[in-house]
Amino acid sequence: MSKLTVTLYGREYSVNCDPGEEQRLKQLVEFVESKMKDVAGRVGNTTEPRLLMLTCLHLADQLFDVHQNARNTLTQDEDLMVAAVEHLHQRIAHIASQVGRA
């Protein structure tokens, strides 16, 4: 386990991560920091705990949207696959009927 000190919105935190994941953790901190700044710009002056809570809700909202879009895409892909298989089944049946006549 690696221990890394990260700074988030001016505060230092000591965080454990798997070896080799330090850069990923730094990227995540930068991402969360940018979201916190976005939220702070919209809500104005607020306490840090409230800002963290609002940022978490904002990120959760985005995550829900991503999950919903992924589910919708998966459903659309499944529908396309079923339609493609049905089309192939009909084509094979048609070709088989033509071969039988020859």
Protein backbone atom coordinates (compact mmCIF):
# COMPACT_ATOMS: atom_id res chain seq x y z
CA MET A 1 0.00 0.00 0.00
CA SER A 2 1.35 3.42 -0.94
CA LYS A 3 0.62 6.50 1.13
CA LEU A 4 0.23 9.79 -0.69
CA THR A 5 -0.40 13.29 0.60
CA VAL A 6 -2.82 15.15 -1.65
CA THR A 7 -4.14 18.68 -1.49
CA LEU A 8 -7.84 19.20 -2.11
CA TYR A 9 -9.24 22.69 -1.99
CA GLY A 10 -6.33 23.92 0.10
CA ARG A 11 -6.33 21.08 2.62
CA GLU A 12 -3.85 18.25 2.81
CA TYR A 13 -5.05 14.68 3.17
CA SER A 14 -3.08 11.49 3.60
CA VAL A 15 -4.52 8.80 1.33
CA ASN A 16 -3.62 5.15 0.81
CA CYS A 17 -3.59 3.67 -2.66
CA ASP A 18 -2.26 0.59 -4.39
CA PRO A 19 1.32 0.75 -5.63
CA GLY A 20 1.43 2.24 -9.12
CA GLU A 21 -1.89 4.04 -8.67
CA GLU A 22 -0.40 7.29 -7.39
CA GLN A 23 -0.76 9.12 -10.70
CA ARG A 24 -4.38 8.00 -11.02
CA LEU A 25 -5.10 9.27 -7.51
CA LYS A 26 -3.55 12.64 -8.39
CA GLN A 27 -5.75 12.84 -11.49
CA LEU A 28 -8.83 12.06 -9.40
CA VAL A 29 -7.92 14.77 -6.91
CA GLU A 30 -7.48 17.28 -9.75
CA PHE A 31 -10.86 16.26 -11.17
CA VAL A 32 -12.64 16.61 -7.82
CA GLU A 33 -10.90 19.92 -7.17
CA SER A 34 -12.14 21.28 -10.50
CA LYS A 35 -15.68 20.15 -9.68
CA MET A 36 -15.46 21.79 -6.26
CA LYS A 37 -14.39 25.05 -7.90
CA ASP A 38 -17.29 24.80 -10.36
CA VAL A 39 -19.78 24.23 -7.54
CA ALA A 40 -18.24 27.01 -5.43
CA GLY A 41 -18.58 29.37 -8.37
CA ARG A 42 -22.29 28.58 -8.59
CA VAL A 43 -23.23 28.59 -4.90
CA GLY A 44 -20.95 31.38 -3.74
CA ASN A 45 -19.60 31.62 -0.24
CA THR A 46 -20.31 28.45 1.72
CA THR A 47 -18.70 26.25 4.33
CA GLU A 48 -16.22 23.60 3.24
CA PRO A 49 -18.35 20.67 4.46
CA ARG A 50 -21.34 22.02 2.54
CA LEU A 51 -19.18 22.52 -0.55
CA LEU A 52 -17.95 18.92 -0.28
CA MET A 53 -21.53 17.68 0.10
CA LEU A 54 -22.78 19.69 -2.88
CA THR A 55 -19.82 18.52 -4.98
CA CYS A 56 -20.55 14.90 -4.06
CA LEU A 57 -24.19 15.35 -5.08
CA HIS A 58 -23.11 16.97 -8.36
CA LEU A 59 -20.71 14.09 -9.11
CA ALA A 60 -23.36 11.52 -8.15
CA ASP A 61 -25.82 13.21 -10.51
CA GLN A 62 -23.29 13.00 -13.34
CA LEU A 63 -22.56 9.36 -12.51
CA PHE A 64 -26.28 8.51 -12.58
CA ASP A 65 -26.53 10.14 -16.02
CA VAL A 66 -23.56 8.11 -17.29
CA HIS A 67 -25.09 4.89 -15.95
CA GLN A 68 -28.47 5.67 -17.50
CA ASN A 69 -26.88 6.48 -20.86
CA ALA A 70 -24.88 3.25 -20.70
CA ARG A 71 -28.05 1.25 -19.94
CA ASN A 72 -29.90 2.96 -22.79
CA THR A 73 -27.02 2.28 -25.18
CA LEU A 74 -26.87 -1.36 -24.10
CA THR A 75 -30.61 -1.75 -24.65
CA GLN A 76 -30.35 -0.15 -28.10
CA ASP A 77 -27.39 -2.37 -28.98
CA GLU A 78 -29.31 -5.47 -27.85
CA ASP A 79 -32.30 -4.43 -29.95
CA LEU A 80 -30.04 -3.97 -32.99
CA MET A 81 -28.41 -7.37 -32.41
CA VAL A 82 -31.79 -9.11 -32.15
CA ALA A 83 -32.96 -7.40 -35.34
CA ALA A 84 -29.73 -8.36 -37.14
CA VAL A 85 -30.03 -12.00 -36.05
CA GLU A 86 -33.67 -12.09 -37.15
CA HIS A 87 -32.71 -10.60 -40.52
CA LEU A 88 -29.93 -13.17 -40.96
CA HIS A 89 -32.33 -15.95 -40.00
CA GLN A 90 -34.76 -14.80 -42.71
CA ARG A 91 -31.96 -14.51 -45.28
CA ILE A 92 -30.69 -18.01 -44.48
CA ALA A 93 -34.21 -19.40 -44.73
CA HIS A 94 -34.66 -17.66 -48.10
CA ILE A 95 -31.31 -18.95 -49.41
CA ALA A 96 -32.13 -22.44 -48.17
CA SER A 97 -35.44 -22.37 -50.01
CA GLN A 98 -33.67 -21.26 -53.20
CA VAL A 99 -31.08 -24.06 -52.88
CA GLY A 100 -33.85 -26.58 -52.41
CA ARG A 101 -35.41 -25.56 -55.74
CA ALA A 102 -32.18 -25.78 -57.70
